[in-house]
Amino acid sequence: MRILSWIFYLGLFVLALGFALSNTEPVELRLFSGYASSWRAPLVVFLLAFLGIGAVLGLLAAVPSLFRARREIAHLRKELRLANKRAAGAGGSDSQEQLPAIAPPPASASTPLGV
């Protein structure tokens, strides 16, 4: 499986390299139709710059939901600890059914959000 992923990445790199080499003609980028200076560079430079800017803006747009998810995870872990303490404290009573204590995952376990 690892070899297949390397072959896929190599093919993707060759496609990107071919795209870059076929778009080397210089183009002029003007902002606001003559009110600002214009820049001349190969087309692939502008395309890669705007791709990078778009990726950064996309990551910045995801930051609030990432922090919201981390805050919710912390809140749920706190609730879990409180539930475990209550279950451990209620363990001496015969009239109530004893709840099993649920341990949080070990700190070394990797989580999707890196918490």
Protein backbone atom coordinates (compact mmCIF):
# COMPACT_ATOMS: atom_id res chain seq x y z
CA MET A 1 0.00 0.00 0.00
CA ARG A 2 2.88 2.33 0.76
CA ILE A 3 4.31 1.78 -2.72
CA LEU A 4 0.97 2.65 -4.30
CA SER A 5 0.81 5.92 -2.39
CA TRP A 6 4.36 6.80 -3.50
CA ILE A 7 3.43 6.04 -7.11
CA PHE A 8 0.35 8.24 -6.77
CA TYR A 9 2.39 11.11 -5.29
CA LEU A 10 5.04 10.75 -7.99
CA GLY A 11 2.36 10.88 -10.68
CA LEU A 12 0.81 13.94 -9.07
CA PHE A 13 4.23 15.62 -8.94
CA VAL A 14 4.86 14.85 -12.63
CA LEU A 15 1.47 16.34 -13.55
CA ALA A 16 2.17 19.48 -11.51
CA LEU A 17 5.65 19.80 -13.01
CA GLY A 18 4.25 19.42 -16.53
CA PHE A 19 1.63 22.06 -15.76
CA ALA A 20 4.29 24.44 -14.45
CA LEU A 21 6.58 23.91 -17.43
CA SER A 22 3.78 24.46 -19.94
CA ASN A 23 2.72 27.77 -18.35
CA THR A 24 5.96 29.73 -18.34
CA GLU A 25 4.78 32.59 -20.56
CA PRO A 26 4.97 35.93 -18.77
CA VAL A 27 1.64 37.53 -17.96
CA GLU A 28 0.78 40.92 -16.51
CA LEU A 29 -1.32 41.20 -13.38
CA ARG A 30 -3.06 44.55 -12.93
CA LEU A 31 -4.99 45.51 -9.85
CA PHE A 32 -7.89 47.95 -10.21
CA SER A 33 -7.38 48.59 -13.91
CA GLY A 34 -4.47 51.00 -14.00
CA TYR A 35 -4.83 52.63 -10.58
CA ALA A 36 -2.04 50.54 -9.15
CA SER A 37 1.17 49.15 -10.53
CA SER A 38 1.19 45.97 -12.54
CA TRP A 39 3.38 42.92 -12.08
CA ARG A 40 4.85 40.67 -14.76
CA ALA A 41 5.73 37.07 -13.99
CA PRO A 42 5.17 33.62 -15.44
CA LEU A 43 1.56 32.44 -15.19
CA VAL A 44 2.48 29.51 -12.97
CA VAL A 45 3.92 31.90 -10.36
CA PHE A 46 0.61 33.75 -10.07
CA LEU A 47 -1.36 30.50 -10.01
CA LEU A 48 0.78 29.02 -7.25
CA ALA A 49 0.66 32.27 -5.27
CA PHE A 50 -3.12 32.37 -5.40
CA LEU A 51 -3.30 28.66 -4.55
CA GLY A 52 -1.17 29.32 -1.48
CA ILE A 53 -3.25 32.34 -0.48
CA GLY A 54 -6.42 30.28 -0.85
CA ALA A 55 -5.01 27.47 1.28
CA VAL A 56 -4.04 29.92 4.04
CA LEU A 57 -7.47 31.58 3.96
CA GLY A 58 -9.12 28.16 4.11
CA LEU A 59 -7.07 27.19 7.16
CA LEU A 60 -7.87 30.49 8.84
CA ALA A 61 -11.57 29.88 8.20
CA ALA A 62 -11.29 26.50 9.96
CA VAL A 63 -9.63 27.89 13.11
CA PRO A 64 -12.85 28.95 14.93
CA SER A 65 -14.44 25.51 14.54
CA LEU A 66 -11.19 23.89 15.71
CA PHE A 67 -11.16 25.98 18.90
CA ARG A 68 -14.88 25.30 19.42
CA ALA A 69 -14.28 21.56 19.12
CA ARG A 70 -11.33 21.68 21.54
CA ARG A 71 -13.41 23.62 24.05
CA GLU A 72 -16.23 21.08 23.76
CA ILE A 73 -13.80 18.18 24.22
CA ALA A 74 -12.40 19.80 27.37
CA HIS A 75 -15.93 20.32 28.70
CA LEU A 76 -16.87 16.70 27.99
CA ARG A 77 -13.70 15.42 29.68
CA LYS A 78 -14.54 17.50 32.75
CA GLU A 79 -18.05 16.02 32.80
CA LEU A 80 -16.57 12.53 32.48
CA ARG A 81 -14.27 13.11 35.45
CA LEU A 82 -17.20 14.38 37.54
CA ALA A 83 -19.33 11.38 36.53
CA ASN A 84 -16.50 9.01 37.49
CA LYS A 85 -16.15 10.72 40.90
CA ARG A 86 -19.89 10.47 41.50
CA ALA A 87 -19.88 6.80 40.49
CA ALA A 88 -16.93 6.09 42.79
CA GLY A 89 -18.61 7.97 45.66
CA ALA A 90 -21.95 6.18 45.17
CA GLY A 91 -20.26 2.77 45.14
CA GLY A 92 -20.77 2.18 48.89
CA SER A 93 -24.56 2.38 48.73
CA ASP A 94 -26.41 -0.93 48.21
CA SER A 95 -29.67 0.73 47.14
CA GLN A 96 -28.22 2.21 43.96
CA GLU A 97 -26.90 0.29 41.01
CA GLN A 98 -23.16 0.80 40.75
CA LEU A 99 -22.02 2.47 37.54
CA PRO A 100 -18.75 1.36 35.98
CA ALA A 101 -16.04 3.99 36.07
CA ILE A 102 -14.99 5.12 32.62
CA ALA A 103 -11.37 6.11 32.30
CA PRO A 104 -10.38 8.86 29.87
CA PRO A 105 -8.06 7.85 27.04
CA PRO A 106 -4.34 7.86 27.83
CA ALA A 107 -2.48 11.07 27.13
CA SER A 108 -0.29 9.36 24.56
CA ALA A 109 -3.26 8.33 22.39
CA SER A 110 -3.54 10.46 19.30
CA THR A 111 -6.80 12.24 18.67
CA PRO A 112 -8.01 13.81 15.40
CA LEU A 113 -7.77 17.31 16.84
CA GLY A 114 -4.39 16.82 18.50
CA VAL A 115 -5.76 17.45 21.98
